[in-house]
């Protein structure tokens, strides 16, 4: 599968269909009982692709007046990997069904602090 196919597939629109913007609010509502308590918005971003692996990232974008550093983003890789709202397994299945890409395994990396307003969590899709 060529590199261009992956790039073409993972448009911002497609990524938003995998992880709609309202997921952030639903996630905080489930976690804290109130969407207003969420310190960030969760966005999916395409990083790179080759024959062996696709790399996406969950971007945690700070909401105005909130504190990312205070919001325990380091515990999130574990939470994301099994949270039904984020639904990684469903995401992986959709990518396979809609693209024909065969995904052997996936892994969520550790939270990386890019800045005070952006933390990222790498999402690795290992291909067959």
Protein backbone atom coordinates (compact mmCIF):
# COMPACT_ATOMS: atom_id res chain seq x y z
CA UNK A 1 0.00 0.00 0.00
CA UNK A 2 1.47 3.32 -1.07
CA UNK A 3 2.21 6.20 1.26
CA UNK A 4 -0.14 8.48 -0.67
CA UNK A 5 -3.14 6.25 0.04
CA UNK A 6 -2.61 6.61 3.80
CA UNK A 7 -2.19 10.36 3.57
CA UNK A 8 -5.30 10.65 1.43
CA UNK A 9 -7.30 8.51 3.84
CA UNK A 10 -6.38 10.34 7.02
CA UNK A 11 -7.79 13.76 6.21
CA UNK A 12 -8.85 15.99 9.08
CA UNK A 13 -12.48 15.31 8.15
CA UNK A 14 -11.94 11.57 8.33
CA UNK A 15 -10.11 11.83 11.67
CA UNK A 16 -12.97 13.92 13.03
CA UNK A 17 -15.42 11.25 11.91
CA UNK A 18 -13.40 8.71 13.93
CA UNK A 19 -13.28 11.01 16.96
CA UNK A 20 -16.02 13.66 16.68
CA UNK A 21 -15.49 16.91 18.57
CA UNK A 22 -18.46 16.24 20.86
CA UNK A 23 -16.60 13.20 22.19
CA UNK A 24 -14.56 15.54 24.42
CA UNK A 25 -17.68 16.82 26.18
CA UNK A 26 -19.16 13.33 26.48
CA UNK A 27 -15.86 12.07 27.89
CA UNK A 28 -15.77 14.74 30.63
CA UNK A 29 -19.41 14.23 31.40
CA UNK A 30 -18.73 10.52 31.91
CA UNK A 31 -15.54 11.20 33.89
CA UNK A 32 -16.59 14.13 36.09
CA UNK A 33 -20.36 14.38 35.64
CA UNK A 34 -19.95 17.76 33.95
CA UNK A 35 -18.55 18.67 30.53
CA UNK A 36 -17.49 22.09 31.89
CA UNK A 37 -14.87 20.35 34.04
CA UNK A 38 -12.92 19.29 30.98
CA UNK A 39 -9.60 21.09 30.67
CA UNK A 40 -8.98 20.19 27.03
CA UNK A 41 -10.47 19.13 23.73
CA UNK A 42 -9.41 15.79 22.30
CA UNK A 43 -8.48 15.84 18.61
CA UNK A 44 -7.07 13.08 16.43
CA UNK A 45 -4.13 14.01 14.19
CA UNK A 46 -2.33 12.13 11.41
CA UNK A 47 1.43 12.05 12.02
CA UNK A 48 2.95 9.61 9.52
CA UNK A 49 2.56 6.33 7.67
CA UNK A 50 4.77 3.74 6.07
CA UNK A 51 4.38 0.10 5.02
CA UNK A 52 4.68 -1.12 8.60
CA UNK A 53 3.00 1.47 10.74
CA UNK A 54 0.56 4.36 10.83
CA UNK A 55 1.11 6.93 13.55
CA UNK A 56 -1.77 9.08 14.74
CA UNK A 57 -1.90 11.23 17.85
CA UNK A 58 -4.55 12.28 20.31
CA UNK A 59 -3.99 16.00 20.72
CA UNK A 60 -5.15 17.40 24.04
CA UNK A 61 -5.76 21.06 23.29
CA UNK A 62 -6.13 23.27 26.35
CA UNK A 63 -9.46 24.98 26.80
CA UNK A 64 -9.39 28.71 27.65
CA UNK A 65 -8.91 29.37 31.35
CA UNK A 66 -8.07 25.72 32.11
CA UNK A 67 -4.83 24.03 33.11
CA UNK A 68 -3.56 21.08 31.08
CA UNK A 69 -0.68 20.30 33.42
CA UNK A 70 -3.13 20.04 36.33
CA UNK A 71 -5.41 17.59 34.57
CA UNK A 72 -3.47 14.36 35.00
CA UNK A 73 -2.91 13.85 31.28
CA UNK A 74 -0.18 11.30 32.10
CA UNK A 75 -2.83 8.78 33.17
CA UNK A 76 -4.75 9.17 29.94
CA UNK A 77 -3.03 6.58 27.71
CA UNK A 78 -4.47 3.87 29.99
CA UNK A 79 -7.88 5.51 30.12
CA UNK A 80 -8.05 6.07 26.36
CA UNK A 81 -7.02 2.52 25.54
CA UNK A 82 -10.11 1.12 27.22
CA UNK A 83 -12.64 3.95 27.42
CA UNK A 84 -15.88 3.14 25.52
CA UNK A 85 -16.36 6.75 24.38
CA UNK A 86 -12.92 6.93 22.80
CA UNK A 87 -13.55 3.39 21.50
CA UNK A 88 -10.13 2.56 20.07
CA UNK A 89 -11.24 -0.93 19.01
CA UNK A 90 -14.14 0.57 17.07
CA UNK A 91 -11.80 3.11 15.49
CA UNK A 92 -9.35 0.42 14.43
CA UNK A 93 -12.18 -1.70 12.99
CA UNK A 94 -13.56 1.27 11.05
CA UNK A 95 -10.13 2.09 9.60
CA UNK A 96 -9.78 -1.55 8.50
CA UNK A 97 -13.31 -1.75 7.09
CA UNK A 98 -13.16 1.57 5.25
CA UNK A 99 -9.60 1.41 3.93
CA UNK A 100 -8.77 -2.26 3.50
CA UNK A 101 -5.67 -1.71 5.66
CA UNK A 102 -4.94 -4.73 7.87
CA UNK A 103 -3.98 -3.69 11.39
CA UNK A 104 -2.06 -6.33 13.31
CA UNK A 105 -1.94 -4.49 16.63
CA UNK A 106 -2.20 -1.04 18.13
CA UNK A 107 -0.60 0.72 21.03
CA UNK A 108 -1.02 4.03 22.77
CA UNK A 109 2.23 5.72 23.76
CA UNK A 110 2.98 7.97 26.71
CA UNK A 111 1.67 11.51 27.02
CA UNK A 112 4.12 14.06 25.62
CA UNK A 113 4.04 17.66 26.74
CA UNK A 114 4.47 19.78 23.60
CA UNK A 115 3.62 23.04 25.37
CA UNK A 116 1.45 24.30 28.21
CA UNK A 117 -1.49 24.35 25.80
CA UNK A 118 -0.88 21.10 23.91
CA UNK A 119 -0.17 17.58 25.10
CA UNK A 120 -0.09 14.67 22.65
CA UNK A 121 -0.59 10.95 23.07
CA UNK A 122 0.83 8.89 20.20
CA UNK A 123 -1.42 6.17 18.76
CA UNK A 124 0.48 3.50 16.82
CA UNK A 125 -1.23 1.17 14.33
CA UNK A 126 1.06 -1.71 13.40
CA UNK A 127 0.21 -3.12 9.98
CA UNK A 128 0.27 -6.72 8.77
